C-alpha atoms as a PDB file:
ATOM      1  CA  MET A   1      -2.852  16.232 -18.376  1.00  0.00           C
ATOM      2  CA  ARG A   2      -1.826  14.030 -21.290  1.00  0.00           C
ATOM      3  CA  GLY A   3       1.517  12.670 -22.409  1.00  0.00           C
ATOM      4  CA  SER A   4       3.831   9.705 -22.315  1.00  0.00           C
ATOM      5  CA  LEU A   5       2.877   8.942 -18.713  1.00  0.00           C
ATOM      6  CA  PHE A   6      -0.798   8.412 -19.404  1.00  0.00           C
ATOM      7  CA  LEU A   7      -0.245   6.767 -22.770  1.00  0.00           C
ATOM      8  CA  ALA A   8       1.955   4.206 -21.018  1.00  0.00           C
ATOM      9  CA  VAL A   9      -0.746   3.536 -18.450  1.00  0.00           C
ATOM     10  CA  ALA A  10      -3.437   3.129 -21.093  1.00  0.00           C
ATOM     11  CA  LEU A  11      -1.276   0.709 -23.037  1.00  0.00           C
ATOM     12  CA  ALA A  12      -0.493  -1.281 -19.905  1.00  0.00           C
ATOM     13  CA  LEU A  13      -4.122  -1.510 -18.830  1.00  0.00           C
ATOM     14  CA  GLY A  14      -5.329  -2.468 -22.271  1.00  0.00           C
ATOM     15  CA  ALA A  15      -2.580  -4.762 -23.498  1.00  0.00           C
ATOM     16  CA  GLY A  16      -2.919  -7.664 -21.107  1.00  0.00           C
ATOM     17  CA  VAL A  17      -0.047  -6.858 -18.753  1.00  0.00           C
ATOM     18  CA  VAL A  18      -1.917  -8.761 -16.054  1.00  0.00           C
ATOM     19  CA  THR A  19      -1.561 -12.486 -16.761  1.00  0.00           C
ATOM     20  CA  ALA A  20      -4.679 -14.429 -17.730  1.00  0.00           C
ATOM     21  CA  ILE A  21      -5.703 -17.389 -15.587  1.00  0.00           C
ATOM     22  CA  PRO A  22      -5.911 -20.543 -17.743  1.00  0.00           C
ATOM     23  CA  ASP A  23      -9.396 -21.539 -18.897  1.00  0.00           C
ATOM     24  CA  ALA A  24     -10.981 -18.272 -17.784  1.00  0.00           C
ATOM     25  CA  ASP A  25     -14.211 -17.342 -19.497  1.00  0.00           C
ATOM     26  CA  ALA A  26     -13.233 -14.710 -22.054  1.00  0.00           C
ATOM     27  CA  GLN A  27     -16.266 -12.456 -21.635  1.00  0.00           C
ATOM     28  CA  SER A  28     -16.075 -12.452 -17.835  1.00  0.00           C
ATOM     29  CA  ARG A  29     -12.321 -11.914 -18.051  1.00  0.00           C
ATOM     30  CA  ARG A  30     -12.839  -8.782 -20.146  1.00  0.00           C
ATOM     31  CA  ALA A  31     -15.286  -7.438 -17.556  1.00  0.00           C
ATOM     32  CA  VAL A  32     -12.809  -8.023 -14.733  1.00  0.00           C
ATOM     33  CA  ARG A  33      -9.980  -6.441 -16.730  1.00  0.00           C
ATOM     34  CA  GLN A  34     -11.979  -3.223 -16.958  1.00  0.00           C
ATOM     35  CA  THR A  35     -11.524  -2.822 -13.186  1.00  0.00           C
ATOM     36  CA  ALA A  36      -7.723  -2.918 -13.499  1.00  0.00           C
ATOM     37  CA  GLU A  37      -5.663  -0.055 -12.121  1.00  0.00           C
ATOM     38  CA  GLY A  38      -2.092   1.066 -12.611  1.00  0.00           C
ATOM     39  CA  SER A  39      -0.093   1.650  -9.434  1.00  0.00           C
ATOM     40  CA  MET A  40       3.275   3.254  -8.780  1.00  0.00           C
ATOM     41  CA  VAL A  41       5.047   3.961  -5.492  1.00  0.00           C
ATOM     42  CA  LEU A  42       7.545   6.831  -5.350  1.00  0.00           C
ATOM     43  CA  THR A  43       9.608   8.018  -2.390  1.00  0.00           C
ATOM     44  CA  GLY A  44      11.311  11.227  -1.394  1.00  0.00           C
ATOM     45  CA  GLN A  45      12.118  13.815   1.276  1.00  0.00           C
ATOM     46  CA  ILE A  46       9.931  16.766   2.294  1.00  0.00           C
ATOM     47  CA  ASP A  47      11.144  19.887   4.115  1.00  0.00           C
ATOM     48  CA  ILE A  48       8.380  21.345   6.291  1.00  0.00           C
ATOM     49  CA  GLY A  49       8.439  25.011   7.349  1.00  0.00           C
ATOM     50  CA  THR A  50       7.515  26.452  10.737  1.00  0.00           C
ATOM     51  CA  GLU A  51       3.932  27.138   9.611  1.00  0.00           C
ATOM     52  CA  GLY A  52       3.502  23.645   8.158  1.00  0.00           C
ATOM     53  CA  GLN A  53       4.125  24.718   4.564  1.00  0.00           C
ATOM     54  CA  VAL A  54       6.258  22.591   2.252  1.00  0.00           C
ATOM     55  CA  GLU A  55       9.529  24.437   1.669  1.00  0.00           C
ATOM     56  CA  GLY A  56      11.147  21.783  -0.487  1.00  0.00           C
ATOM     57  CA  PHE A  57      10.682  18.319  -1.958  1.00  0.00           C
ATOM     58  CA  VAL A  58      13.240  15.954  -3.445  1.00  0.00           C
ATOM     59  CA  LEU A  59      12.000  12.925  -5.341  1.00  0.00           C
ATOM     60  CA  ASP A  60      14.233   9.868  -5.024  1.00  0.00           C
ATOM     61  CA  ASP A  61      15.737   8.571  -8.286  1.00  0.00           C
ATOM     62  CA  GLU A  62      13.923  11.235 -10.300  1.00  0.00           C
ATOM     63  CA  GLY A  63      15.842  10.196 -13.414  1.00  0.00           C
ATOM     64  CA  LYS A  64      13.911   6.901 -13.396  1.00  0.00           C
ATOM     65  CA  VAL A  65      10.549   8.679 -13.420  1.00  0.00           C
ATOM     66  CA  ALA A  66       8.830  10.035 -16.551  1.00  0.00           C
ATOM     67  CA  SER A  67       9.301  13.809 -16.656  1.00  0.00           C
ATOM     68  CA  ASP A  68       5.572  14.627 -16.824  1.00  0.00           C
ATOM     69  CA  LEU A  69       4.873  12.338 -13.852  1.00  0.00           C
ATOM     70  CA  ALA A  70       7.736  13.848 -11.836  1.00  0.00           C
ATOM     71  CA  ALA A  71       6.391  17.347 -12.550  1.00  0.00           C
ATOM     72  CA  PHE A  72       2.885  16.264 -11.519  1.00  0.00           C
ATOM     73  CA  VAL A  73       4.077  14.781  -8.207  1.00  0.00           C
ATOM     74  CA  ASN A  74       6.324  17.775  -7.438  1.00  0.00           C
ATOM     75  CA  GLY A  75       3.445  20.181  -8.028  1.00  0.00           C
ATOM     76  CA  GLN A  76       1.113  18.197  -5.797  1.00  0.00           C
ATOM     77  CA  VAL A  77       3.553  17.817  -2.904  1.00  0.00           C
ATOM     78  CA  LEU A  78       4.650  21.474  -2.970  1.00  0.00           C
ATOM     79  CA  SER A  79       0.998  22.461  -2.478  1.00  0.00           C
ATOM     80  CA  TRP A  80       0.621  20.336   0.656  1.00  0.00           C
ATOM     81  CA  ARG A  81       0.336  21.797   4.130  1.00  0.00           C
ATOM     82  CA  PHE A  82       1.025  20.022   7.413  1.00  0.00           C
ATOM     83  CA  GLU A  83       0.084  20.663  10.983  1.00  0.00           C
ATOM     84  CA  PRO A  84       3.055  22.666  12.347  1.00  0.00           C
ATOM     85  CA  ILE A  85       5.732  20.571  14.059  1.00  0.00           C
ATOM     86  CA  VAL A  86       6.117  21.618  17.703  1.00  0.00           C
ATOM     87  CA  ARG A  87       9.172  20.821  19.822  1.00  0.00           C
ATOM     88  CA  ASP A  88       9.721  22.190  23.329  1.00  0.00           C
ATOM     89  CA  GLY A  89       6.759  24.489  22.831  1.00  0.00           C
ATOM     90  CA  ALA A  90       8.049  26.087  19.630  1.00  0.00           C
ATOM     91  CA  GLN A  91       7.127  25.527  15.966  1.00  0.00           C
ATOM     92  CA  VAL A  92      10.186  24.238  14.112  1.00  0.00           C
ATOM     93  CA  ARG A  93      11.287  23.199  10.650  1.00  0.00           C
ATOM     94  CA  ALA A  94      11.402  19.456  10.002  1.00  0.00           C
ATOM     95  CA  ARG A  95      12.299  16.942   7.322  1.00  0.00           C
ATOM     96  CA  THR A  96      10.276  13.805   6.688  1.00  0.00           C
ATOM     97  CA  TYR A  97      10.475  10.753   4.493  1.00  0.00           C
ATOM     98  CA  VAL A  98       7.436  10.229   2.274  1.00  0.00           C
ATOM     99  CA  SER A  99       6.186   7.258   0.275  1.00  0.00           C
ATOM    100  CA  ILE A 100       3.552   8.170  -2.316  1.00  0.00           C
ATOM    101  CA  ARG A 101       1.229   5.781  -4.108  1.00  0.00           C
ATOM    102  CA  LEU A 102      -0.163   6.897  -7.435  1.00  0.00           C
ATOM    103  CA  VAL A 103      -3.096   5.191  -9.103  1.00  0.00           C
ATOM    104  CA  ALA A 104      -4.076   5.520 -12.753  1.00  0.00           C
ATOM    105  CA  LYS A 105      -7.134   4.191 -14.501  1.00  0.00           C
ATOM    106  CA  ALA A 106      -8.149   4.343 -18.137  1.00  0.00           C
ATOM    107  CA  GLY A 107     -11.525   6.064 -18.351  1.00  0.00           C
ATOM    108  CA  PRO A 108     -14.389   4.995 -20.671  1.00  0.00           C
ATOM    109  CA  ASP A 109     -14.068   8.259 -22.626  1.00  0.00           C
ATOM    110  CA  GLY A 110     -10.472   7.489 -23.537  1.00  0.00           C
ATOM    111  CA  ARG A 111      -9.096  10.042 -21.097  1.00  0.00           C
ATOM    112  CA  ASP A 112      -6.755   8.538 -18.524  1.00  0.00           C
ATOM    113  CA  VAL A 113      -6.861   9.728 -14.930  1.00  0.00           C
ATOM    114  CA  ALA A 114      -3.955   9.576 -12.472  1.00  0.00           C
ATOM    115  CA  ARG A 115      -4.067  10.714  -8.875  1.00  0.00           C
ATOM    116  CA  ILE A 116      -2.191  10.432  -5.604  1.00  0.00           C
ATOM    117  CA  GLN A 117      -4.121   7.742  -3.762  1.00  0.00           C
ATOM    118  CA  ALA A 118      -2.183   7.562  -0.504  1.00  0.00           C
ATOM    119  CA  ALA A 119       0.905   8.823   1.287  1.00  0.00           C
ATOM    120  CA  SER A 120       2.867   7.428   4.220  1.00  0.00           C
ATOM    121  CA  PHE A 121       5.500   9.162   6.313  1.00  0.00           C
ATOM    122  CA  GLU A 122       6.916   6.128   8.080  1.00  0.00           C
ATOM    123  CA  ARG A 123       9.485   3.451   7.345  1.00  0.00           C
ATOM    124  CA  TYR A 124       9.743   0.182   9.180  1.00  0.00           C
ATOM    125  CA  ASN A 125      12.666   0.150  11.608  1.00  0.00           C
ATOM    126  CA  PRO A 126      13.311  -3.329  13.079  1.00  0.00           C
ATOM    127  CA  GLU A 127      15.373  -1.730  15.872  1.00  0.00           C
ATOM    128  CA  ALA A 128      12.651   0.711  16.989  1.00  0.00           C
ATOM    129  CA  THR A 129      11.632   0.574  20.654  1.00  0.00           C
ATOM    130  CA  ASP A 130       8.574   2.860  20.412  1.00  0.00           C
ATOM    131  CA  SER A 131       6.540   0.664  18.061  1.00  0.00           C
ATOM    132  CA  ILE A 132       5.699  -2.970  17.369  1.00  0.00           C
ATOM    133  CA  THR A 133       8.490  -4.915  15.631  1.00  0.00           C
ATOM    134  CA  LYS A 134       8.658  -8.490  14.450  1.00  0.00           C
ATOM    135  CA  ILE A 135      10.261 -11.414  16.255  1.00  0.00           C
ATOM    136  CA  ASN A 136       9.077 -14.288  14.079  1.00  0.00           C
ATOM    137  CA  MET A 137       7.088 -13.894  10.868  1.00  0.00           C
ATOM    138  CA  LYS A 138       7.453 -17.145   8.968  1.00  0.00           C
ATOM    139  CA  PRO A 139       5.995 -16.505   5.498  1.00  0.00           C
ATOM    140  CA  PRO A 140       2.887 -18.372   4.382  1.00  0.00           C
ATOM    141  CA  VAL A 141       2.975 -21.372   2.100  1.00  0.00           C
ATOM    142  CA  PHE A 142       2.087 -20.560  -1.505  1.00  0.00           C
ATOM    143  CA  PRO A 143      -1.402 -22.095  -1.931  1.00  0.00           C
ATOM    144  CA  SER A 144      -1.547 -25.074  -4.296  1.00  0.00           C
ATOM    145  CA  ARG A 145      -4.704 -23.669  -5.896  1.00  0.00           C
ATOM    146  CA  ALA A 146      -2.811 -20.453  -6.682  1.00  0.00           C
ATOM    147  CA  VAL A 147       0.028 -22.465  -8.248  1.00  0.00           C
ATOM    148  CA  ASP A 148      -2.474 -24.284 -10.478  1.00  0.00           C
ATOM    149  CA  MET A 149      -3.973 -20.925 -11.484  1.00  0.00           C
ATOM    150  CA  ARG A 150      -0.560 -19.232 -11.890  1.00  0.00           C
ATOM    151  CA  GLY A 151      -1.827 -16.630  -9.489  1.00  0.00           C
ATOM    152  CA  SER A 152       0.025 -13.743  -7.891  1.00  0.00           C
ATOM    153  CA  GLY A 153      -0.956 -10.772  -5.782  1.00  0.00           C
ATOM    154  CA  GLU A 154      -0.654  -8.983  -2.452  1.00  0.00           C
ATOM    155  CA  VAL A 155      -2.573  -9.404   0.783  1.00  0.00           C
ATOM    156  CA  MET A 156      -2.823  -6.577   3.311  1.00  0.00           C
ATOM    157  CA  LEU A 157      -3.297  -8.060   6.779  1.00  0.00           C
ATOM    158  CA  LEU A 158      -4.682  -6.248   9.809  1.00  0.00           C
ATOM    159  CA  ILE A 159      -3.383  -7.955  12.942  1.00  0.00           C
ATOM    160  CA  HIS A 160      -4.499  -7.529  16.548  1.00  0.00           C
ATOM    161  CA  VAL A 161      -1.514  -7.987  18.885  1.00  0.00           C
ATOM    162  CA  GLY A 162      -2.010  -8.634  22.597  1.00  0.00           C
ATOM    163  CA  ARG A 163       0.196  -7.962  25.627  1.00  0.00           C
ATOM    164  CA  ALA A 164       1.937 -11.318  25.188  1.00  0.00           C
ATOM    165  CA  GLY A 165       3.194 -10.246  21.765  1.00  0.00           C
ATOM    166  CA  THR A 166       1.066 -12.878  20.052  1.00  0.00           C
ATOM    167  CA  VAL A 167      -1.740 -12.562  17.520  1.00  0.00           C
ATOM    168  CA  THR A 168      -5.214 -12.466  19.042  1.00  0.00           C
ATOM    169  CA  ASP A 169      -7.073 -11.804  15.800  1.00  0.00           C
ATOM    170  CA  VAL A 170      -6.316 -11.172  12.128  1.00  0.00           C
ATOM    171  CA  VAL A 171      -8.232 -10.278   8.965  1.00  0.00           C
ATOM    172  CA  ALA A 172      -7.255  -9.897   5.336  1.00  0.00           C
ATOM    173  CA  GLU A 173      -8.105  -6.248   4.796  1.00  0.00           C
ATOM    174  CA  GLN A 174      -7.613  -6.419   1.026  1.00  0.00           C
ATOM    175  CA  VAL A 175      -6.331  -8.837  -1.611  1.00  0.00           C
ATOM    176  CA  ASN A 176      -5.147  -7.317  -4.905  1.00  0.00           C
ATOM    177  CA  LEU A 177      -4.368  -9.686  -7.782  1.00  0.00           C
ATOM    178  CA  ARG A 178      -1.894  -9.372 -10.637  1.00  0.00           C
ATOM    179  CA  VAL A 179      -3.741 -11.921 -12.777  1.00  0.00           C
ATOM    180  CA  VAL A 180      -7.123 -11.776 -14.455  1.00  0.00           C
ATOM    181  CA  GLY A 181      -9.819 -14.428 -14.787  1.00  0.00           C
ATOM    182  CA  ASP A 182     -13.565 -14.662 -14.494  1.00  0.00           C
ATOM    183  CA  GLU A 183     -15.221 -13.515 -11.273  1.00  0.00           C
ATOM    184  CA  SER A 184     -15.429 -17.027  -9.816  1.00  0.00           C
ATOM    185  CA  GLN A 185     -11.715 -17.689 -10.393  1.00  0.00           C
ATOM    186  CA  MET A 186     -10.744 -14.324  -8.933  1.00  0.00           C
ATOM    187  CA  ARG A 187     -12.845 -14.953  -5.836  1.00  0.00           C
ATOM    188  CA  ARG A 188     -11.274 -18.385  -5.275  1.00  0.00           C
ATOM    189  CA  LEU A 189      -7.778 -17.011  -5.755  1.00  0.00           C
ATOM    190  CA  ARG A 190      -8.330 -14.140  -3.313  1.00  0.00           C
ATOM    191  CA  ASP A 191      -9.745 -16.605  -0.799  1.00  0.00           C
ATOM    192  CA  SER A 192      -6.695 -18.875  -1.166  1.00  0.00           C
ATOM    193  CA  PHE A 193      -4.211 -16.042  -0.611  1.00  0.00           C
ATOM    194  CA  ALA A 194      -6.221 -14.643   2.317  1.00  0.00           C
ATOM    195  CA  LYS A 195      -6.515 -18.011   4.085  1.00  0.00           C
ATOM    196  CA  ALA A 196      -2.808 -18.826   3.621  1.00  0.00           C
ATOM    197  CA  SER A 197      -1.773 -15.421   4.984  1.00  0.00           C
ATOM    198  CA  ILE A 198      -4.109 -15.585   7.964  1.00  0.00           C
ATOM    199  CA  ALA A 199      -3.010 -19.131   8.852  1.00  0.00           C
ATOM    200  CA  ALA A 200       0.646 -18.064   8.868  1.00  0.00           C
ATOM    201  CA  ALA A 201      -0.020 -14.849  10.791  1.00  0.00           C
ATOM    202  CA  ARG A 202      -1.700 -16.642  13.680  1.00  0.00           C
ATOM    203  CA  ASN A 203       1.706 -18.075  14.636  1.00  0.00           C
ATOM    204  CA  TRP A 204       3.669 -14.829  14.345  1.00  0.00           C
ATOM    205  CA  THR A 205       5.198 -13.146  17.380  1.00  0.00           C
ATOM    206  CA  PHE A 206       6.055  -9.514  17.955  1.00  0.00           C
ATOM    207  CA  ARG A 207       8.246  -7.352  20.169  1.00  0.00           C
ATOM    208  CA  LEU A 208       6.215  -4.816  22.121  1.00  0.00           C
ATOM    209  CA  PRO A 209       7.126  -1.131  22.553  1.00  0.00           C
ATOM    210  CA  THR A 210       9.351  -0.361  25.533  1.00  0.00           C
ATOM    211  CA  THR A 211       9.428   3.423  25.043  1.00  0.00           C
ATOM    212  CA  GLY A 212       7.163   6.108  23.623  1.00  0.00           C
ATOM    213  CA  ASP A 213       3.453   6.849  23.663  1.00  0.00           C
ATOM    214  CA  TYR A 214       2.241   3.289  23.062  1.00  0.00           C
ATOM    215  CA  VAL A 215       4.223   1.385  25.677  1.00  0.00           C
ATOM    216  CA  ASP A 216       1.262   1.106  28.086  1.00  0.00           C
ATOM    217  CA  ALA A 217      -1.405   0.235  25.522  1.00  0.00           C
ATOM    218  CA  GLY A 218      -3.524  -2.826  26.237  1.00  0.00           C
ATOM    219  CA  ASP A 219      -3.285  -4.012  22.644  1.00  0.00           C
ATOM    220  CA  TRP A 220      -2.137  -2.857  19.224  1.00  0.00           C
ATOM    221  CA  THR A 221      -3.218  -3.128  15.609  1.00  0.00           C
ATOM    222  CA  VAL A 222      -0.563  -3.505  12.910  1.00  0.00           C
ATOM    223  CA  ARG A 223      -0.633  -3.824   9.140  1.00  0.00           C
ATOM    224  CA  VAL A 224       1.568  -6.375   7.404  1.00  0.00           C
ATOM    225  CA  PRO A 225       1.684  -6.684   3.593  1.00  0.00           C
ATOM    226  CA  VAL A 226       2.229 -10.204   2.232  1.00  0.00           C
ATOM    227  CA  ASP A 227       3.303 -10.674  -1.377  1.00  0.00           C
ATOM    228  CA  PHE A 228       2.662 -13.806  -3.448  1.00  0.00           C
ATOM    229  CA  ALA A 229       4.735 -13.760  -6.641  1.00  0.00           C
ATOM    230  CA  TYR A 230       4.339 -16.636  -9.086  1.00  0.00           C
ATOM    231  CA  THR A 231       7.187 -15.296 -11.221  1.00  0.00           C
ATOM    232  CA  ASP A 232       9.722 -12.466 -10.969  1.00  0.00           C
ATOM    233  CA  GLU A 233       7.163  -9.913 -12.083  1.00  0.00           C
ATOM    234  CA  LYS A 234       7.845  -6.869  -9.940  1.00  0.00           C
ATOM    235  CA  SER A 235       7.949  -3.535 -11.755  1.00  0.00           C
ATOM    236  CA  GLY A 236      10.970  -1.317 -11.230  1.00  0.00           C
ATOM    237  CA  TYR A 237      11.016   2.091  -9.566  1.00  0.00           C
ATOM    238  CA  GLY A 238       9.240   4.649 -11.721  1.00  0.00           C
ATOM    239  CA  GLN A 239       7.284   2.008 -13.643  1.00  0.00           C
ATOM    240  CA  TRP A 240       3.594   1.211 -13.463  1.00  0.00           C
ATOM    241  CA  SER A 241       2.368  -2.121 -12.167  1.00  0.00           C
ATOM    242  CA  VAL A 242      -1.128  -3.298 -13.060  1.00  0.00           C
ATOM    243  CA  TYR A 243      -3.442  -5.099 -10.663  1.00  0.00           C
ATOM    244  CA  ILE A 244      -7.095  -5.937 -10.058  1.00  0.00           C
ATOM    245  CA  PRO A 245      -8.137  -4.330  -6.742  1.00  0.00           C
ATOM    246  CA  GLY A 246     -10.084  -6.487  -4.304  1.00  0.00           C
ATOM    247  CA  PRO A 247     -12.875  -5.455  -1.922  1.00  0.00           C
ATOM    248  CA  ARG A 248     -12.002  -3.903   1.427  1.00  0.00           C
ATOM    249  CA  ALA A 249     -12.826  -5.615   4.727  1.00  0.00           C
ATOM    250  CA  ARG A 250     -13.142  -4.169   8.217  1.00  0.00           C
ATOM    251  CA  ALA A 251     -11.441  -5.501  11.318  1.00  0.00           C
ATOM    252  CA  PRO A 252     -14.197  -6.295  13.869  1.00  0.00           C
ATOM    253  CA  TRP A 253     -12.126  -5.000  16.788  1.00  0.00           C
ATOM    254  CA  ARG A 254     -11.703  -1.515  15.182  1.00  0.00           C
ATOM    255  CA  GLU A 255     -15.059   0.219  15.567  1.00  0.00           C
ATOM    256  CA  GLN A 256     -13.881   3.592  14.265  1.00  0.00           C
ATOM    257  CA  GLU A 257     -11.795   2.306  11.374  1.00  0.00           C
ATOM    258  CA  ASN A 258     -11.502   4.600   8.349  1.00  0.00           C
ATOM    259  CA  ILE A 259     -12.361   2.282   5.485  1.00  0.00           C
ATOM    260  CA  GLU A 260     -11.205   4.885   2.941  1.00  0.00           C
ATOM    261  CA  GLU A 261      -7.552   4.487   3.944  1.00  0.00           C
ATOM    262  CA  ASP A 262      -6.003   2.431   1.151  1.00  0.00           C
ATOM    263  CA  LEU A 263      -2.358   1.567   1.778  1.00  0.00           C
ATOM    264  CA  ALA A 264      -2.212  -1.494  -0.472  1.00  0.00           C
ATOM    265  CA  GLY A 265       1.063  -1.506  -2.380  1.00  0.00           C
ATOM    266  CA  LEU A 266       2.385   1.467  -0.421  1.00  0.00           C
ATOM    267  CA  LEU A 267       3.934  -0.270   2.590  1.00  0.00           C
ATOM    268  CA  ALA A 268       7.109  -2.240   1.938  1.00  0.00           C
ATOM    269  CA  THR A 269       6.804  -6.022   2.165  1.00  0.00           C
ATOM    270  CA  GLY A 270       8.485  -7.483   5.247  1.00  0.00           C
ATOM    271  CA  GLY A 271       7.640  -4.540   7.484  1.00  0.00           C
ATOM    272  CA  VAL A 272       5.246  -4.106  10.399  1.00  0.00           C
ATOM    273  CA  TYR A 273       3.261  -0.878  10.496  1.00  0.00           C
ATOM    274  CA  MET A 274       1.236   0.324  13.477  1.00  0.00           C
ATOM    275  CA  ALA A 275      -2.225   1.132  12.141  1.00  0.00           C
ATOM    276  CA  ASP A 276      -3.292   3.571  14.851  1.00  0.00           C
ATOM    277  CA  ALA A 277       0.018   5.315  15.518  1.00  0.00           C
ATOM    278  CA  LYS A 278       0.261   8.841  14.135  1.00  0.00           C
ATOM    279  CA  ASP A 279       3.843   9.733  15.052  1.00  0.00           C
ATOM    280  CA  GLY A 280       4.733  11.249  11.679  1.00  0.00           C
ATOM    281  CA  PRO A 281       3.694  14.692  10.471  1.00  0.00           C
ATOM    282  CA  ARG A 282      -0.040  15.234  10.049  1.00  0.00           C
ATOM    283  CA  LEU A 283      -1.015  16.190   6.526  1.00  0.00           C
ATOM    284  CA  LEU A 284      -3.858  18.716   6.452  1.00  0.00           C
ATOM    285  CA  THR A 285      -4.225  18.935   2.668  1.00  0.00           C
ATOM    286  CA  PRO A 286      -6.583  16.364   1.076  1.00  0.00           C
ATOM    287  CA  LEU A 287      -4.634  14.158  -1.323  1.00  0.00           C
ATOM    288  CA  GLY A 288      -7.372  14.530  -3.923  1.00  0.00           C
ATOM    289  CA  GLY A 289      -6.097  14.663  -7.465  1.00  0.00           C
END
């Protein structure tokens, strides 16, 4: 599939949309830039039939999305199949919110590839009683090293919450950067953002579930995205943002963690998302693409 969508991605990836760190080695910077990806998050509503088939899909703000991209996403979602929704012993129709993360990368042969990387069927509700919600999440201090490097990016934290509602352990699962430098600079910047986020998270407190399936759990794991913006650089809905993806890390307390799950950029900043809760509809179709 070719068209304005993929041309825009290729131009973005190749034209230096990601800001260069001052004094970065030019050759190393070019090598890092080749790992850049374009990312876009779109939202909508899915109607699920009694057999788990998708009966309808409405993309939010479709007028803001390139027509070829909207057609691609519609075609993909309409082919999905879910595990049937059962209520009171009967399979029923249902409607679900969906947040979809698309990733595009310019290939070495000049052909650009876009795919649906991840999908989420949950939204953070601060009033929910059946999941973990935040009490105090004071944001981290912007690291001085990152200021000097004009750095920006997003950290995805995995947080282990105990029965007291406090943090018992935390890791930076992934750090994606919206600037480009040589490998040494990128490593130092990721380390600065990760350490600042972890230091802040250790003092956060959470409200435990009082209803639902997870009320009696001995502990919980939640994901919290933390955004570090050096300038007002956020892309609008329906526009590609370019970033340099960082390596993934495992949480030592999650022995069966699926390392392939990549929710970076998909979960809204400021929310708390239970990592092991599967209350939404279960998608049976591989995202693929």
